[in-house]
Amino acid sequence: MSAVTLRNLSPEVVRIIRKRAAERKTSINKVVAGILEEGLGLAGSGDRPAVHHDLDHFAGRWTKKEADAFNRDLAGQRHIDPELWR
């Protein structure tokens, strides 16, 4: 495994990293490695699943008309049939 040196981290970033390490009773190195892996979508952090950004380019692409049509169509699927819950 390679070593990496990080310089010029803001005091706020250092504070948060140190806090996470203390909370998790682990090393600063493990916390930073976990943050990098999670940020790259390679691993989860603790009990949380990995974070992925592969669909980000779709966010905010619908027009208001398209979103309204989608929500209108979806509303019919959200109806709960009491007969199915007997």
N, C-alpha and C. Protein backbone atom coordinates (compact mmCIF):
# COMPACT_ATOMS: atom_id res chain seq x y z
N MET A 1 0.84 -1.17 0.00
CA MET A 1 0.00 0.00 0.00
C MET A 1 0.89 1.24 0.00
N SER A 2 0.51 2.23 -0.76
CA SER A 2 1.30 3.45 -0.88
C SER A 2 0.97 4.43 0.22
N ALA A 3 1.95 5.27 0.51
CA ALA A 3 1.75 6.35 1.47
C ALA A 3 1.53 7.65 0.71
N VAL A 4 0.65 8.49 1.25
CA VAL A 4 0.35 9.78 0.64
C VAL A 4 0.44 10.83 1.74
N THR A 5 1.06 11.95 1.43
CA THR A 5 1.13 13.05 2.37
C THR A 5 0.17 14.14 1.91
N LEU A 6 -0.66 14.60 2.83
CA LEU A 6 -1.60 15.68 2.51
C LEU A 6 -1.11 16.94 3.20
N ARG A 7 -1.05 18.01 2.46
CA ARG A 7 -0.61 19.29 3.01
C ARG A 7 -1.71 20.33 2.85
N ASN A 8 -1.62 21.35 3.67
CA ASN A 8 -2.49 22.52 3.56
C ASN A 8 -3.96 22.21 3.74
N LEU A 9 -4.27 21.25 4.60
CA LEU A 9 -5.66 20.98 4.93
C LEU A 9 -6.16 22.12 5.82
N SER A 10 -7.39 22.49 5.61
CA SER A 10 -7.95 23.57 6.43
C SER A 10 -8.09 23.08 7.88
N PRO A 11 -8.04 23.99 8.82
CA PRO A 11 -8.23 23.60 10.22
C PRO A 11 -9.56 22.88 10.46
N GLU A 12 -10.59 23.26 9.74
CA GLU A 12 -11.90 22.62 9.89
C GLU A 12 -11.84 21.17 9.45
N VAL A 13 -11.17 20.88 8.33
CA VAL A 13 -11.04 19.50 7.85
C VAL A 13 -10.26 18.68 8.87
N VAL A 14 -9.17 19.22 9.38
CA VAL A 14 -8.37 18.51 10.38
C VAL A 14 -9.19 18.24 11.63
N ARG A 15 -9.97 19.22 12.07
CA ARG A 15 -10.81 19.06 13.25
C ARG A 15 -11.81 17.92 13.07
N ILE A 16 -12.46 17.89 11.92
CA ILE A 16 -13.47 16.86 11.66
C ILE A 16 -12.82 15.47 11.58
N ILE A 17 -11.67 15.37 10.94
CA ILE A 17 -10.98 14.09 10.83
C ILE A 17 -10.57 13.59 12.22
N ARG A 18 -10.00 14.47 13.03
CA ARG A 18 -9.60 14.09 14.38
C ARG A 18 -10.82 13.67 15.22
N LYS A 19 -11.91 14.39 15.06
CA LYS A 19 -13.13 14.08 15.81
C LYS A 19 -13.66 12.70 15.42
N ARG A 20 -13.70 12.42 14.11
CA ARG A 20 -14.18 11.11 13.65
C ARG A 20 -13.29 9.99 14.18
N ALA A 21 -11.97 10.21 14.15
CA ALA A 21 -11.04 9.19 14.64
C ALA A 21 -11.28 8.93 16.12
N ALA A 22 -11.49 9.98 16.89
CA ALA A 22 -11.73 9.82 18.32
C ALA A 22 -13.06 9.11 18.57
N GLU A 23 -14.10 9.50 17.83
CA GLU A 23 -15.42 8.88 18.00
C GLU A 23 -15.39 7.39 17.66
N ARG A 24 -14.63 7.04 16.65
CA ARG A 24 -14.57 5.65 16.19
C ARG A 24 -13.45 4.87 16.86
N LYS A 25 -12.69 5.56 17.70
CA LYS A 25 -11.55 4.95 18.40
C LYS A 25 -10.64 4.23 17.40
N THR A 26 -10.25 4.98 16.38
CA THR A 26 -9.39 4.45 15.33
C THR A 26 -8.36 5.51 14.97
N SER A 27 -7.49 5.17 14.05
CA SER A 27 -6.43 6.10 13.66
C SER A 27 -6.92 7.13 12.65
N ILE A 28 -6.21 8.25 12.64
CA ILE A 28 -6.49 9.28 11.65
C ILE A 28 -6.30 8.72 10.25
N ASN A 29 -5.28 7.89 10.08
CA ASN A 29 -5.01 7.28 8.78
C ASN A 29 -6.21 6.47 8.28
N LYS A 30 -6.80 5.65 9.17
CA LYS A 30 -7.96 4.84 8.77
C LYS A 30 -9.16 5.72 8.42
N VAL A 31 -9.35 6.80 9.15
CA VAL A 31 -10.45 7.70 8.86
C VAL A 31 -10.26 8.34 7.48
N VAL A 32 -9.06 8.85 7.22
CA VAL A 32 -8.80 9.50 5.93
C VAL A 32 -8.93 8.49 4.79
N ALA A 33 -8.39 7.28 4.97
CA ALA A 33 -8.51 6.25 3.93
C ALA A 33 -9.98 5.92 3.67
N GLY A 34 -10.78 5.82 4.73
CA GLY A 34 -12.21 5.54 4.57
C GLY A 34 -12.93 6.66 3.84
N ILE A 35 -12.59 7.90 4.17
CA ILE A 35 -13.21 9.05 3.49
C ILE A 35 -12.87 9.03 2.01
N LEU A 36 -11.63 8.75 1.68
CA LEU A 36 -11.23 8.69 0.27
C LEU A 36 -11.93 7.54 -0.46
N GLU A 37 -11.98 6.37 0.15
CA GLU A 37 -12.66 5.23 -0.48
C GLU A 37 -14.14 5.52 -0.70
N GLU A 38 -14.77 6.09 0.32
CA GLU A 38 -16.19 6.42 0.21
C GLU A 38 -16.41 7.46 -0.88
N GLY A 39 -15.59 8.49 -0.90
CA GLY A 39 -15.72 9.55 -1.90
C GLY A 39 -15.52 9.06 -3.32
N LEU A 40 -14.70 8.03 -3.46
CA LEU A 40 -14.45 7.46 -4.78
C LEU A 40 -15.45 6.36 -5.14
N GLY A 41 -16.38 6.08 -4.22
CA GLY A 41 -17.39 5.06 -4.48
C GLY A 41 -16.85 3.65 -4.39
N LEU A 42 -15.74 3.47 -3.67
CA LEU A 42 -15.12 2.15 -3.59
C LEU A 42 -15.54 1.35 -2.38
N ALA A 43 -16.03 2.02 -1.35
CA ALA A 43 -16.39 1.31 -0.13
C ALA A 43 -17.36 2.14 0.68
N GLY A 44 -18.07 1.48 1.58
CA GLY A 44 -18.95 2.19 2.49
C GLY A 44 -18.16 2.69 3.69
N SER A 45 -18.80 3.49 4.48
CA SER A 45 -18.18 4.00 5.70
C SER A 45 -18.99 3.49 6.88
N GLY A 46 -18.45 2.55 7.63
CA GLY A 46 -19.18 1.99 8.76
C GLY A 46 -20.38 1.21 8.28
N ASP A 47 -21.55 1.57 8.80
CA ASP A 47 -22.78 0.87 8.43
C ASP A 47 -23.45 1.46 7.20
N ARG A 48 -22.91 2.57 6.71
CA ARG A 48 -23.53 3.23 5.56
C ARG A 48 -23.05 2.59 4.26
N PRO A 49 -23.93 2.50 3.27
CA PRO A 49 -23.51 1.94 1.99
C PRO A 49 -22.60 2.91 1.24
N ALA A 50 -21.94 2.40 0.22
CA ALA A 50 -21.08 3.24 -0.61
C ALA A 50 -21.90 4.32 -1.29
N VAL A 51 -21.28 5.46 -1.50
CA VAL A 51 -21.94 6.58 -2.17
C VAL A 51 -21.54 6.55 -3.64
N HIS A 52 -22.53 6.63 -4.51
CA HIS A 52 -22.25 6.61 -5.94
C HIS A 52 -22.77 7.89 -6.57
N HIS A 53 -22.11 8.33 -7.61
CA HIS A 53 -22.50 9.55 -8.29
C HIS A 53 -22.71 9.32 -9.79
N ASP A 54 -22.97 8.06 -10.16
CA ASP A 54 -23.07 7.74 -11.57
C ASP A 54 -24.35 8.24 -12.24
N LEU A 55 -25.34 8.68 -11.47
CA LEU A 55 -26.58 9.19 -12.06
C LEU A 55 -26.75 10.69 -11.84
N ASP A 56 -25.71 11.35 -11.33
CA ASP A 56 -25.81 12.77 -11.02
C ASP A 56 -26.18 13.62 -12.23
N HIS A 57 -25.76 13.22 -13.41
CA HIS A 57 -26.04 14.05 -14.59
C HIS A 57 -27.54 14.09 -14.93
N PHE A 58 -28.34 13.20 -14.32
CA PHE A 58 -29.78 13.23 -14.55
C PHE A 58 -30.50 14.23 -13.64
N ALA A 59 -29.87 14.59 -12.54
CA ALA A 59 -30.52 15.45 -11.55
C ALA A 59 -30.85 16.81 -12.15
N GLY A 60 -32.08 17.25 -11.93
CA GLY A 60 -32.51 18.57 -12.40
C GLY A 60 -32.76 18.66 -13.89
N ARG A 61 -32.94 17.55 -14.56
CA ARG A 61 -33.11 17.54 -16.02
C ARG A 61 -34.55 17.64 -16.48
N TRP A 62 -35.50 17.36 -15.60
CA TRP A 62 -36.89 17.40 -16.02
C TRP A 62 -37.41 18.83 -16.03
N THR A 63 -38.27 19.10 -16.98
CA THR A 63 -38.99 20.37 -16.96
C THR A 63 -40.10 20.25 -15.92
N LYS A 64 -40.69 21.35 -15.56
CA LYS A 64 -41.80 21.33 -14.60
C LYS A 64 -42.94 20.48 -15.16
N LYS A 65 -43.21 20.61 -16.45
CA LYS A 65 -44.28 19.85 -17.09
C LYS A 65 -44.00 18.34 -16.99
N GLU A 66 -42.76 17.94 -17.25
CA GLU A 66 -42.40 16.52 -17.16
C GLU A 66 -42.50 16.01 -15.72
N ALA A 67 -42.04 16.80 -14.77
CA ALA A 67 -42.11 16.40 -13.37
C ALA A 67 -43.56 16.28 -12.91
N ASP A 68 -44.40 17.21 -13.32
CA ASP A 68 -45.81 17.15 -12.94
C ASP A 68 -46.47 15.90 -13.53
N ALA A 69 -46.15 15.58 -14.78
CA ALA A 69 -46.72 14.38 -15.42
C ALA A 69 -46.25 13.12 -14.70
N PHE A 70 -44.98 13.07 -14.34
CA PHE A 70 -44.45 11.92 -13.62
C PHE A 70 -45.15 11.76 -12.28
N ASN A 71 -45.26 12.84 -11.52
CA ASN A 71 -45.90 12.78 -10.21
C ASN A 71 -47.37 12.40 -10.32
N ARG A 72 -48.04 12.87 -11.36
CA ARG A 72 -49.44 12.53 -11.58
C ARG A 72 -49.57 11.03 -11.86
N ASP A 73 -48.70 10.50 -12.70
CA ASP A 73 -48.74 9.07 -13.01
C ASP A 73 -48.37 8.22 -11.80
N LEU A 74 -47.42 8.69 -11.02
CA LEU A 74 -46.97 7.96 -9.85
C LEU A 74 -48.04 7.94 -8.76
N ALA A 75 -48.85 8.96 -8.69
CA ALA A 75 -49.89 9.05 -7.66
C ALA A 75 -50.82 7.83 -7.71
N GLY A 76 -51.13 7.36 -8.90
CA GLY A 76 -51.98 6.19 -9.04
C GLY A 76 -51.35 4.93 -8.47
N GLN A 77 -50.05 4.85 -8.46
CA GLN A 77 -49.36 3.68 -7.93
C GLN A 77 -49.24 3.73 -6.42
N ARG A 78 -49.46 4.87 -5.85
CA ARG A 78 -49.33 5.03 -4.40
C ARG A 78 -50.63 4.75 -3.65
N HIS A 79 -51.67 4.42 -4.36
CA HIS A 79 -52.95 4.11 -3.74
C HIS A 79 -52.85 2.75 -3.04
N ILE A 80 -53.31 2.69 -1.81
CA ILE A 80 -53.31 1.45 -1.04
C ILE A 80 -54.69 0.84 -1.10
N ASP A 81 -54.76 -0.39 -1.59
CA ASP A 81 -56.03 -1.11 -1.71
C ASP A 81 -56.29 -1.83 -0.39
N PRO A 82 -57.30 -1.41 0.38
CA PRO A 82 -57.57 -2.06 1.69
C PRO A 82 -57.86 -3.54 1.56
N GLU A 83 -58.37 -3.96 0.44
CA GLU A 83 -58.69 -5.39 0.23
C GLU A 83 -57.42 -6.25 0.26
N LEU A 84 -56.31 -5.67 -0.16
CA LEU A 84 -55.06 -6.44 -0.18
C LEU A 84 -54.46 -6.61 1.21
N TRP A 85 -54.93 -5.86 2.18
CA TRP A 85 -54.35 -5.88 3.53
C TRP A 85 -55.24 -6.58 4.55
N ARG A 86 -56.17 -7.39 4.09
CA ARG A 86 -57.03 -8.15 5.01
C ARG A 86 -56.37 -9.41 5.46
